[in-house]
Amino acid sequence: MNEKSRFKGFLLSYVLIPIILAIVFTGAILYVMKVPVGKPLQSLGSKIPGLSLFIPAPVPTSSEAQSSTNSMKQATASNTSEVKSQKQEITQLKAELSSSKQDLQKANSKVTSLQKQIKTTNTQNYQDQMKKMSQIYSNMSPSKAGAIFDAMPLEDAAYTISMLSQDVQSSILGSMKDPSKAAQITTVLNDLAEQPASDQTSLKDQVHQIVQKNETQNNSLVETLSEMPATQSAGIIKTMMGSDSQSAMTILKDMNTSTRSSILTEITKSNPKMAAVITAELK
């Protein structure tokens, strides 16, 4: 034990105390020389486990605080500049969008104006064409004009005659040798009167649609009446002759010979005069 005590005393007296004195002496010299060693030592000591509990973290100097403040100001200024740039970009985009809308409105207005001009031109051309057609057929004998329309396909005949005046139309229809076709043309003209066309293209489209619709309806009626007993079909035809003789004649003409003969036989039994009229018109 004595030897251990002597060793500790020796270690304390000749090692530790000199080291401590040397540190204090060196620190005093450095302090007098104004060498900033306190902060590095403090920073080093605060990082050593155990020792950091007793040594507080170094307090930032005024220069460091000023540097941090400047950095924050620069970051804030940078953010402010970026926000300002974004706002300017948004403003520019809005202006471009507004300009695009105005250009689009001008373009739409121009298209609308051109469409009106085209429609006006087409309407004028259509009216001029109607006048020319009326002059041609009005200078022609009704029988000759009627023969021309008899030879035309139904759609072409309806389209052509629709461009004539009503007086010329009546004259031609009354002179046609095919009463069934005259009846079909009259039906087309009646449908056109409900929706007058403003140009030739519209007129041709309307005539085509009406003819197709009437043909479909007529074919359906022909098929239905052909499948019914002759007595019932004759009754329907007699009723149609009183209200719409043109459609009735068209239906009879489109039937096959056998079915038509059976219906006419039944009509003759109850109304021989009507049967004679139908037979004369079918020839």
C-alpha atoms as a PDB file:
ATOM      1  CA  MET A   1       0.000   0.000   0.000  1.00  0.00           C
ATOM      2  CA  ASN A   2       2.826   2.350   0.880  1.00  0.00           C
ATOM      3  CA  GLU A   3       4.415   1.776  -2.474  1.00  0.00           C
ATOM      4  CA  LYS A   4       1.103   2.574  -4.242  1.00  0.00           C
ATOM      5  CA  SER A   5       0.691   5.750  -2.213  1.00  0.00           C
ATOM      6  CA  ARG A   6       4.227   6.766  -3.023  1.00  0.00           C
ATOM      7  CA  PHE A   7       3.599   6.123  -6.729  1.00  0.00           C
ATOM      8  CA  LYS A   8       0.414   8.201  -6.726  1.00  0.00           C
ATOM      9  CA  GLY A   9       2.200  11.012  -4.926  1.00  0.00           C
ATOM     10  CA  PHE A  10       5.009  10.824  -7.414  1.00  0.00           C
ATOM     11  CA  LEU A  11       2.579  10.827 -10.354  1.00  0.00           C
ATOM     12  CA  LEU A  12       0.687  13.785  -8.950  1.00  0.00           C
ATOM     13  CA  SER A  13       3.744  15.801  -8.011  1.00  0.00           C
ATOM     14  CA  TYR A  14       5.974  15.196 -10.986  1.00  0.00           C
ATOM     15  CA  VAL A  15       3.529  14.535 -13.830  1.00  0.00           C
ATOM     16  CA  LEU A  16       0.042  15.943 -13.453  1.00  0.00           C
ATOM     17  CA  ILE A  17       0.919  19.136 -11.594  1.00  0.00           C
ATOM     18  CA  PRO A  18       3.599  20.113 -14.106  1.00  0.00           C
ATOM     19  CA  ILE A  19       1.226  19.381 -16.968  1.00  0.00           C
ATOM     20  CA  ILE A  20      -1.498  21.515 -15.409  1.00  0.00           C
ATOM     21  CA  LEU A  21       0.976  24.321 -14.717  1.00  0.00           C
ATOM     22  CA  ALA A  22       2.238  24.098 -18.259  1.00  0.00           C
ATOM     23  CA  ILE A  23      -1.305  24.327 -19.643  1.00  0.00           C
ATOM     24  CA  VAL A  24      -2.137  27.307 -17.427  1.00  0.00           C
ATOM     25  CA  PHE A  25       1.129  29.008 -18.307  1.00  0.00           C
ATOM     26  CA  THR A  26       0.626  28.377 -22.023  1.00  0.00           C
ATOM     27  CA  GLY A  27      -2.951  29.624 -21.816  1.00  0.00           C
ATOM     28  CA  ALA A  28      -1.839  32.788 -20.067  1.00  0.00           C
ATOM     29  CA  ILE A  29       0.764  33.453 -22.710  1.00  0.00           C
ATOM     30  CA  LEU A  30      -1.711  32.848 -25.518  1.00  0.00           C
ATOM     31  CA  TYR A  31      -4.259  35.072 -23.786  1.00  0.00           C
ATOM     32  CA  VAL A  32      -1.715  37.868 -23.472  1.00  0.00           C
ATOM     33  CA  MET A  33      -0.892  37.396 -27.139  1.00  0.00           C
ATOM     34  CA  LYS A  34      -4.644  37.489 -27.895  1.00  0.00           C
ATOM     35  CA  VAL A  35      -4.567  34.192 -29.709  1.00  0.00           C
ATOM     36  CA  PRO A  36      -8.226  32.869 -29.973  1.00  0.00           C
ATOM     37  CA  VAL A  37      -7.735  29.367 -28.558  1.00  0.00           C
ATOM     38  CA  GLY A  38     -10.666  29.354 -26.169  1.00  0.00           C
ATOM     39  CA  LYS A  39     -13.329  28.741 -28.758  1.00  0.00           C
ATOM     40  CA  PRO A  40     -11.533  25.884 -30.569  1.00  0.00           C
ATOM     41  CA  LEU A  41     -10.791  24.200 -27.230  1.00  0.00           C
ATOM     42  CA  GLN A  42     -14.369  24.739 -26.116  1.00  0.00           C
ATOM     43  CA  SER A  43     -15.676  23.360 -29.405  1.00  0.00           C
ATOM     44  CA  LEU A  44     -13.321  20.380 -29.131  1.00  0.00           C
ATOM     45  CA  GLY A  45     -14.245  19.716 -25.546  1.00  0.00           C
ATOM     46  CA  SER A  46     -17.987  19.916 -26.237  1.00  0.00           C
ATOM     47  CA  LYS A  47     -17.588  17.053 -28.717  1.00  0.00           C
ATOM     48  CA  ILE A  48     -15.767  14.702 -26.305  1.00  0.00           C
ATOM     49  CA  PRO A  49     -18.189  12.242 -24.605  1.00  0.00           C
ATOM     50  CA  GLY A  50     -18.500  12.895 -20.922  1.00  0.00           C
ATOM     51  CA  LEU A  51     -16.572  16.128 -21.062  1.00  0.00           C
ATOM     52  CA  SER A  52     -19.327  17.771 -23.178  1.00  0.00           C
ATOM     53  CA  LEU A  53     -21.596  17.650 -20.134  1.00  0.00           C
ATOM     54  CA  PHE A  54     -19.396  20.160 -18.368  1.00  0.00           C
ATOM     55  CA  ILE A  55     -18.384  22.317 -21.347  1.00  0.00           C
ATOM     56  CA  PRO A  56     -21.201  24.323 -22.974  1.00  0.00           C
ATOM     57  CA  ALA A  57     -21.472  24.605 -26.744  1.00  0.00           C
ATOM     58  CA  PRO A  58     -19.641  27.614 -28.173  1.00  0.00           C
ATOM     59  CA  VAL A  59     -21.734  30.731 -28.530  1.00  0.00           C
ATOM     60  CA  PRO A  60     -21.722  32.117 -32.078  1.00  0.00           C
ATOM     61  CA  THR A  61     -19.736  35.254 -32.508  1.00  0.00           C
ATOM     62  CA  SER A  62     -21.241  38.448 -33.846  1.00  0.00           C
ATOM     63  CA  SER A  63     -19.551  37.859 -37.198  1.00  0.00           C
ATOM     64  CA  GLU A  64     -21.077  34.384 -37.462  1.00  0.00           C
ATOM     65  CA  ALA A  65     -24.491  35.707 -36.483  1.00  0.00           C
ATOM     66  CA  GLN A  66     -24.159  38.444 -39.082  1.00  0.00           C
ATOM     67  CA  SER A  67     -23.141  35.856 -41.698  1.00  0.00           C
ATOM     68  CA  SER A  68     -26.160  33.702 -40.845  1.00  0.00           C
ATOM     69  CA  THR A  69     -28.440  36.738 -41.045  1.00  0.00           C
ATOM     70  CA  ASN A  70     -26.990  37.691 -44.406  1.00  0.00           C
ATOM     71  CA  SER A  71     -27.513  34.151 -45.697  1.00  0.00           C
ATOM     72  CA  MET A  72     -31.164  34.256 -44.591  1.00  0.00           C
ATOM     73  CA  LYS A  73     -31.622  37.623 -46.257  1.00  0.00           C
ATOM     74  CA  GLN A  74     -30.094  36.314 -49.467  1.00  0.00           C
ATOM     75  CA  ALA A  75     -32.352  33.244 -49.388  1.00  0.00           C
ATOM     76  CA  THR A  76     -35.399  35.449 -48.753  1.00  0.00           C
ATOM     77  CA  ALA A  77     -34.386  37.802 -51.564  1.00  0.00           C
ATOM     78  CA  SER A  78     -33.877  34.844 -53.884  1.00  0.00           C
ATOM     79  CA  ASN A  79     -37.324  33.450 -53.026  1.00  0.00           C
ATOM     80  CA  THR A  80     -38.898  36.869 -53.464  1.00  0.00           C
ATOM     81  CA  SER A  81     -37.239  37.264 -56.849  1.00  0.00           C
ATOM     82  CA  GLU A  82     -38.424  33.801 -57.933  1.00  0.00           C
ATOM     83  CA  VAL A  83     -42.005  34.542 -56.817  1.00  0.00           C
ATOM     84  CA  LYS A  84     -41.920  37.856 -58.659  1.00  0.00           C
ATOM     85  CA  SER A  85     -40.643  36.125 -61.793  1.00  0.00           C
ATOM     86  CA  GLN A  86     -43.424  33.527 -61.551  1.00  0.00           C
ATOM     87  CA  LYS A  87     -46.035  36.247 -61.136  1.00  0.00           C
ATOM     88  CA  GLN A  88     -44.700  38.037 -64.210  1.00  0.00           C
ATOM     89  CA  GLU A  89     -44.847  34.773 -66.160  1.00  0.00           C
ATOM     90  CA  ILE A  90     -48.462  34.231 -65.050  1.00  0.00           C
ATOM     91  CA  THR A  91     -49.343  37.764 -66.111  1.00  0.00           C
ATOM     92  CA  GLN A  92     -47.723  37.200 -69.504  1.00  0.00           C
ATOM     93  CA  LEU A  93     -49.576  33.890 -69.979  1.00  0.00           C
ATOM     94  CA  LYS A  94     -52.871  35.579 -69.127  1.00  0.00           C
ATOM     95  CA  ALA A  95     -52.160  38.276 -71.681  1.00  0.00           C
ATOM     96  CA  GLU A  96     -51.322  35.669 -74.323  1.00  0.00           C
ATOM     97  CA  LEU A  97     -54.495  33.727 -73.483  1.00  0.00           C
ATOM     98  CA  SER A  98     -56.580  36.874 -73.771  1.00  0.00           C
ATOM     99  CA  SER A  99     -54.954  37.644 -77.115  1.00  0.00           C
ATOM    100  CA  SER A 100     -55.633  34.086 -78.324  1.00  0.00           C
ATOM    101  CA  LYS A 101     -59.291  34.368 -77.326  1.00  0.00           C
ATOM    102  CA  GLN A 102     -59.608  37.628 -79.221  1.00  0.00           C
ATOM    103  CA  ASP A 103     -57.963  36.073 -82.289  1.00  0.00           C
ATOM    104  CA  LEU A 104     -60.318  33.097 -82.048  1.00  0.00           C
ATOM    105  CA  GLN A 105     -63.336  35.386 -81.798  1.00  0.00           C
ATOM    106  CA  LYS A 106     -62.153  37.314 -84.852  1.00  0.00           C
ATOM    107  CA  ALA A 107     -61.638  34.063 -86.768  1.00  0.00           C
ATOM    108  CA  ASN A 108     -65.097  32.788 -85.799  1.00  0.00           C
ATOM    109  CA  SER A 109     -66.624  36.097 -86.799  1.00  0.00           C
ATOM    110  CA  LYS A 110     -64.862  35.928 -90.158  1.00  0.00           C
ATOM    111  CA  VAL A 111     -66.032  32.338 -90.739  1.00  0.00           C
ATOM    112  CA  THR A 112     -69.608  33.301 -89.874  1.00  0.00           C
ATOM    113  CA  SER A 113     -69.427  36.239 -92.267  1.00  0.00           C
ATOM    114  CA  LEU A 114     -68.079  34.029 -95.061  1.00  0.00           C
ATOM    115  CA  GLN A 115     -70.786  31.434 -94.421  1.00  0.00           C
ATOM    116  CA  LYS A 116     -73.436  34.123 -94.721  1.00  0.00           C
ATOM    117  CA  GLN A 117     -71.906  35.350 -97.972  1.00  0.00           C
ATOM    118  CA  ILE A 118     -71.819  31.803 -99.364  1.00  0.00           C
ATOM    119  CA  LYS A 119     -75.408  31.215 -98.310  1.00  0.00           C
ATOM    120  CA  THR A 120     -76.496  34.473 -99.919  1.00  0.00           C
ATOM    121  CA  THR A 121     -74.651  33.593-103.121  1.00  0.00           C
ATOM    122  CA  ASN A 122     -76.115  30.081-103.196  1.00  0.00           C
ATOM    123  CA  THR A 123     -79.606  31.424-102.582  1.00  0.00           C
ATOM    124  CA  GLN A 124     -79.232  33.933-105.410  1.00  0.00           C
ATOM    125  CA  ASN A 125     -77.895  31.255-107.756  1.00  0.00           C
ATOM    126  CA  TYR A 126     -80.762  28.962-106.803  1.00  0.00           C
ATOM    127  CA  GLN A 127     -83.332  31.646-107.508  1.00  0.00           C
ATOM    128  CA  ASP A 128     -81.690  32.430-110.856  1.00  0.00           C
ATOM    129  CA  GLN A 129     -81.714  28.728-111.764  1.00  0.00           C
ATOM    130  CA  MET A 130     -85.400  28.475-110.859  1.00  0.00           C
ATOM    131  CA  LYS A 131     -86.215  31.371-113.161  1.00  0.00           C
ATOM    132  CA  LYS A 132     -84.299  29.801-116.045  1.00  0.00           C
ATOM    133  CA  MET A 133     -85.960  26.408-115.570  1.00  0.00           C
ATOM    134  CA  SER A 134     -89.403  28.016-115.397  1.00  0.00           C
ATOM    135  CA  GLN A 135     -88.761  29.919-118.620  1.00  0.00           C
ATOM    136  CA  ILE A 136     -87.648  26.746-120.407  1.00  0.00           C
ATOM    137  CA  TYR A 137     -90.674  24.653-119.434  1.00  0.00           C
ATOM    138  CA  SER A 138     -93.178  27.505-119.670  1.00  0.00           C
ATOM    139  CA  ASN A 139     -92.193  27.946-123.338  1.00  0.00           C
ATOM    140  CA  MET A 140     -92.688  24.221-123.914  1.00  0.00           C
ATOM    141  CA  SER A 141     -96.054  22.599-124.630  1.00  0.00           C
ATOM    142  CA  PRO A 142     -97.500  20.839-121.516  1.00  0.00           C
ATOM    143  CA  SER A 143     -97.740  17.489-123.329  1.00  0.00           C
ATOM    144  CA  LYS A 144     -94.066  17.603-124.328  1.00  0.00           C
ATOM    145  CA  ALA A 145     -92.978  18.662-120.848  1.00  0.00           C
ATOM    146  CA  GLY A 146     -95.161  15.928-119.322  1.00  0.00           C
ATOM    147  CA  ALA A 147     -93.537  13.307-121.569  1.00  0.00           C
ATOM    148  CA  ILE A 148     -90.101  14.459-120.439  1.00  0.00           C
ATOM    149  CA  PHE A 149     -91.030  14.060-116.776  1.00  0.00           C
ATOM    150  CA  ASP A 150     -92.643  10.676-117.464  1.00  0.00           C
ATOM    151  CA  ALA A 151     -89.285   9.454-118.748  1.00  0.00           C
ATOM    152  CA  MET A 152     -87.260  10.885-115.835  1.00  0.00           C
ATOM    153  CA  PRO A 153     -86.449   8.862-112.694  1.00  0.00           C
ATOM    154  CA  LEU A 154     -88.759   9.877-109.856  1.00  0.00           C
ATOM    155  CA  GLU A 155     -86.089  11.666-107.825  1.00  0.00           C
ATOM    156  CA  ASP A 156     -84.798  13.673-110.804  1.00  0.00           C
ATOM    157  CA  ALA A 157     -88.317  14.556-111.889  1.00  0.00           C
ATOM    158  CA  ALA A 158     -89.282  15.716-108.393  1.00  0.00           C
ATOM    159  CA  TYR A 159     -86.070  17.735-108.054  1.00  0.00           C
ATOM    160  CA  THR A 160     -86.495  19.436-111.447  1.00  0.00           C
ATOM    161  CA  ILE A 161     -90.168  20.230-111.134  1.00  0.00           C
ATOM    162  CA  SER A 162     -89.670  21.604-107.617  1.00  0.00           C
ATOM    163  CA  MET A 163     -87.676  24.492-109.126  1.00  0.00           C
ATOM    164  CA  LEU A 164     -90.579  25.546-111.358  1.00  0.00           C
ATOM    165  CA  SER A 165     -93.390  27.944-110.560  1.00  0.00           C
ATOM    166  CA  GLN A 166     -96.642  26.454-109.272  1.00  0.00           C
ATOM    167  CA  ASP A 167     -98.486  27.232-112.526  1.00  0.00           C
ATOM    168  CA  VAL A 168     -95.883  25.383-114.594  1.00  0.00           C
ATOM    169  CA  GLN A 169     -95.877  22.509-112.076  1.00  0.00           C
ATOM    170  CA  SER A 170     -99.641  22.079-112.310  1.00  0.00           C
ATOM    171  CA  SER A 171     -99.546  22.182-116.110  1.00  0.00           C
ATOM    172  CA  ILE A 172     -96.855  19.507-116.355  1.00  0.00           C
ATOM    173  CA  LEU A 173     -98.348  17.202-113.706  1.00  0.00           C
ATOM    174  CA  GLY A 174    -101.736  17.352-115.435  1.00  0.00           C
ATOM    175  CA  SER A 175    -100.137  16.397-118.767  1.00  0.00           C
ATOM    176  CA  MET A 176     -98.139  13.395-117.511  1.00  0.00           C
ATOM    177  CA  LYS A 177     -99.233   9.991-118.850  1.00  0.00           C
ATOM    178  CA  ASP A 178     -98.121   8.224-115.676  1.00  0.00           C
ATOM    179  CA  PRO A 179    -100.609   9.276-112.977  1.00  0.00           C
ATOM    180  CA  SER A 180     -98.805   7.223-110.357  1.00  0.00           C
ATOM    181  CA  LYS A 181     -95.534   9.099-110.880  1.00  0.00           C
ATOM    182  CA  ALA A 182     -97.432  12.402-110.992  1.00  0.00           C
ATOM    183  CA  ALA A 183     -98.972  11.470-107.638  1.00  0.00           C
ATOM    184  CA  GLN A 184     -95.563  10.651-106.154  1.00  0.00           C
ATOM    185  CA  ILE A 185     -94.113  13.935-107.416  1.00  0.00           C
ATOM    186  CA  THR A 186     -97.052  15.811-105.919  1.00  0.00           C
ATOM    187  CA  THR A 187     -96.399  14.140-102.554  1.00  0.00           C
ATOM    188  CA  VAL A 188     -92.759  15.246-102.676  1.00  0.00           C
ATOM    189  CA  LEU A 189     -93.786  18.804-103.542  1.00  0.00           C
ATOM    190  CA  ASN A 190     -96.230  18.882-100.635  1.00  0.00           C
ATOM    191  CA  ASP A 191     -93.508  17.759 -98.223  1.00  0.00           C
ATOM    192  CA  LEU A 192     -91.069  20.334 -99.637  1.00  0.00           C
ATOM    193  CA  ALA A 193     -93.600  23.101 -99.083  1.00  0.00           C
ATOM    194  CA  GLU A 194     -93.346  22.476 -95.324  1.00  0.00           C
ATOM    195  CA  GLN A 195     -89.570  23.047 -95.336  1.00  0.00           C
ATOM    196  CA  PRO A 196     -88.537  25.280 -98.270  1.00  0.00           C
ATOM    197  CA  ALA A 197     -84.920  24.924 -99.409  1.00  0.00           C
ATOM    198  CA  SER A 198     -82.637  27.948 -99.766  1.00  0.00           C
ATOM    199  CA  ASP A 199     -80.158  26.509-102.288  1.00  0.00           C
ATOM    200  CA  GLN A 200     -79.842  23.737-104.846  1.00  0.00           C
ATOM    201  CA  THR A 201     -77.760  21.453-102.632  1.00  0.00           C
ATOM    202  CA  SER A 202     -80.280  21.612 -99.807  1.00  0.00           C
ATOM    203  CA  LEU A 203     -83.133  21.088-102.248  1.00  0.00           C
ATOM    204  CA  LYS A 204     -81.535  18.008-103.777  1.00  0.00           C
ATOM    205  CA  ASP A 205     -80.846  16.519-100.332  1.00  0.00           C
ATOM    206  CA  GLN A 206     -84.422  17.154 -99.223  1.00  0.00           C
ATOM    207  CA  VAL A 207     -85.890  15.599-102.366  1.00  0.00           C
ATOM    208  CA  HIS A 208     -83.693  12.531-101.927  1.00  0.00           C
ATOM    209  CA  GLN A 209     -84.703  12.081 -98.287  1.00  0.00           C
ATOM    210  CA  ILE A 210     -88.415  12.527 -99.045  1.00  0.00           C
ATOM    211  CA  VAL A 211     -88.348  10.090-101.972  1.00  0.00           C
ATOM    212  CA  GLN A 212     -86.506   7.496 -99.920  1.00  0.00           C
ATOM    213  CA  LYS A 213     -88.911   7.896 -97.023  1.00  0.00           C
ATOM    214  CA  ASN A 214     -91.978   7.644 -99.265  1.00  0.00           C
ATOM    215  CA  GLU A 215     -90.586   4.593-101.040  1.00  0.00           C
ATOM    216  CA  THR A 216     -89.949   2.885 -97.734  1.00  0.00           C
ATOM    217  CA  GLN A 217     -93.445   3.660 -96.480  1.00  0.00           C
ATOM    218  CA  ASN A 218     -94.996   2.652 -99.795  1.00  0.00           C
ATOM    219  CA  ASN A 219     -93.112  -0.650 -99.865  1.00  0.00           C
ATOM    220  CA  SER A 220     -94.231  -1.361 -96.331  1.00  0.00           C
ATOM    221  CA  LEU A 221     -97.885  -0.670 -97.215  1.00  0.00           C
ATOM    222  CA  VAL A 222     -97.677  -2.766-100.371  1.00  0.00           C
ATOM    223  CA  GLU A 223     -96.224  -5.669 -98.407  1.00  0.00           C
ATOM    224  CA  THR A 224     -98.822  -5.351 -95.647  1.00  0.00           C
ATOM    225  CA  LEU A 225    -101.826  -5.132 -97.997  1.00  0.00           C
ATOM    226  CA  SER A 226    -100.503  -7.999-100.149  1.00  0.00           C
ATOM    227  CA  GLU A 227    -100.447 -10.295 -97.133  1.00  0.00           C
ATOM    228  CA  MET A 228    -103.990  -9.424 -96.066  1.00  0.00           C
ATOM    229  CA  PRO A 229    -107.132 -11.104 -97.475  1.00  0.00           C
ATOM    230  CA  ALA A 230    -108.295  -9.412-100.713  1.00  0.00           C
ATOM    231  CA  THR A 231    -111.583  -8.350 -99.064  1.00  0.00           C
ATOM    232  CA  GLN A 232    -109.802  -6.407 -96.323  1.00  0.00           C
ATOM    233  CA  SER A 233    -107.220  -4.916 -98.695  1.00  0.00           C
ATOM    234  CA  ALA A 234    -110.014  -3.759-101.045  1.00  0.00           C
ATOM    235  CA  GLY A 235    -111.737  -1.989 -98.144  1.00  0.00           C
ATOM    236  CA  ILE A 236    -108.541  -0.104 -97.260  1.00  0.00           C
ATOM    237  CA  ILE A 237    -107.900   0.863-100.899  1.00  0.00           C
ATOM    238  CA  LYS A 238    -111.466   2.185-101.258  1.00  0.00           C
ATOM    239  CA  THR A 239    -110.998   4.320 -98.156  1.00  0.00           C
ATOM    240  CA  MET A 240    -107.664   5.642 -99.438  1.00  0.00           C
ATOM    241  CA  MET A 241    -109.235   6.476-102.817  1.00  0.00           C
ATOM    242  CA  GLY A 242    -111.597   8.822-101.022  1.00  0.00           C
ATOM    243  CA  SER A 243    -108.885  10.565 -98.951  1.00  0.00           C
ATOM    244  CA  ASP A 244    -105.588  10.074-100.813  1.00  0.00           C
ATOM    245  CA  SER A 245    -106.203   8.593-104.243  1.00  0.00           C
ATOM    246  CA  GLN A 246    -102.632   9.308-105.389  1.00  0.00           C
ATOM    247  CA  SER A 247    -101.123   7.087-102.673  1.00  0.00           C
ATOM    248  CA  ALA A 248    -103.731   4.403-103.322  1.00  0.00           C
ATOM    249  CA  MET A 249    -102.851   4.317-107.024  1.00  0.00           C
ATOM    250  CA  THR A 250     -99.132   4.159-106.231  1.00  0.00           C
ATOM    251  CA  ILE A 251     -99.685   1.192-103.938  1.00  0.00           C
ATOM    252  CA  LEU A 252    -101.792  -0.668-106.488  1.00  0.00           C
ATOM    253  CA  LYS A 253     -99.239  -0.045-109.208  1.00  0.00           C
ATOM    254  CA  ASP A 254     -96.432  -1.463-107.068  1.00  0.00           C
ATOM    255  CA  MET A 255     -98.362  -4.658-106.286  1.00  0.00           C
ATOM    256  CA  ASN A 256     -97.904  -7.795-108.358  1.00  0.00           C
ATOM    257  CA  THR A 257    -100.562  -8.466-111.003  1.00  0.00           C
ATOM    258  CA  SER A 258    -102.257 -11.319-109.150  1.00  0.00           C
ATOM    259  CA  THR A 259    -102.740  -9.391-105.897  1.00  0.00           C
ATOM    260  CA  ARG A 260    -103.897  -6.251-107.701  1.00  0.00           C
ATOM    261  CA  SER A 261    -106.464  -8.247-109.748  1.00  0.00           C
ATOM    262  CA  SER A 262    -107.885  -9.864-106.588  1.00  0.00           C
ATOM    263  CA  ILE A 263    -108.310  -6.449-104.922  1.00  0.00           C
ATOM    264  CA  LEU A 264    -109.929  -4.914-108.038  1.00  0.00           C
ATOM    265  CA  THR A 265    -112.344  -7.864-108.192  1.00  0.00           C
ATOM    266  CA  GLU A 266    -113.442  -7.187-104.626  1.00  0.00           C
ATOM    267  CA  ILE A 267    -113.792  -3.441-105.289  1.00  0.00           C
ATOM    268  CA  THR A 268    -115.918  -4.161-108.404  1.00  0.00           C
ATOM    269  CA  LYS A 269    -118.388  -6.122-106.278  1.00  0.00           C
ATOM    270  CA  SER A 270    -119.180  -3.103-104.100  1.00  0.00           C
ATOM    271  CA  ASN A 271    -118.196  -0.125-106.263  1.00  0.00           C
ATOM    272  CA  PRO A 272    -117.818  -0.936-109.966  1.00  0.00           C
ATOM    273  CA  LYS A 273    -117.455   2.700-110.923  1.00  0.00           C
ATOM    274  CA  MET A 274    -114.408   3.129-108.674  1.00  0.00           C
ATOM    275  CA  ALA A 275    -112.936  -0.100-110.018  1.00  0.00           C
ATOM    276  CA  ALA A 276    -113.334   1.214-113.581  1.00  0.00           C
ATOM    277  CA  VAL A 277    -111.584   4.488-112.692  1.00  0.00           C
ATOM    278  CA  ILE A 278    -108.713   2.609-111.060  1.00  0.00           C
ATOM    279  CA  THR A 279    -108.348   0.272-113.991  1.00  0.00           C
ATOM    280  CA  ALA A 280    -108.281   3.194-116.453  1.00  0.00           C
ATOM    281  CA  GLU A 281    -105.592   5.001-114.464  1.00  0.00           C
ATOM    282  CA  LEU A 282    -103.466   1.885-114.156  1.00  0.00           C
ATOM    283  CA  LYS A 283    -103.278   1.437-117.905  1.00  0.00           C
END
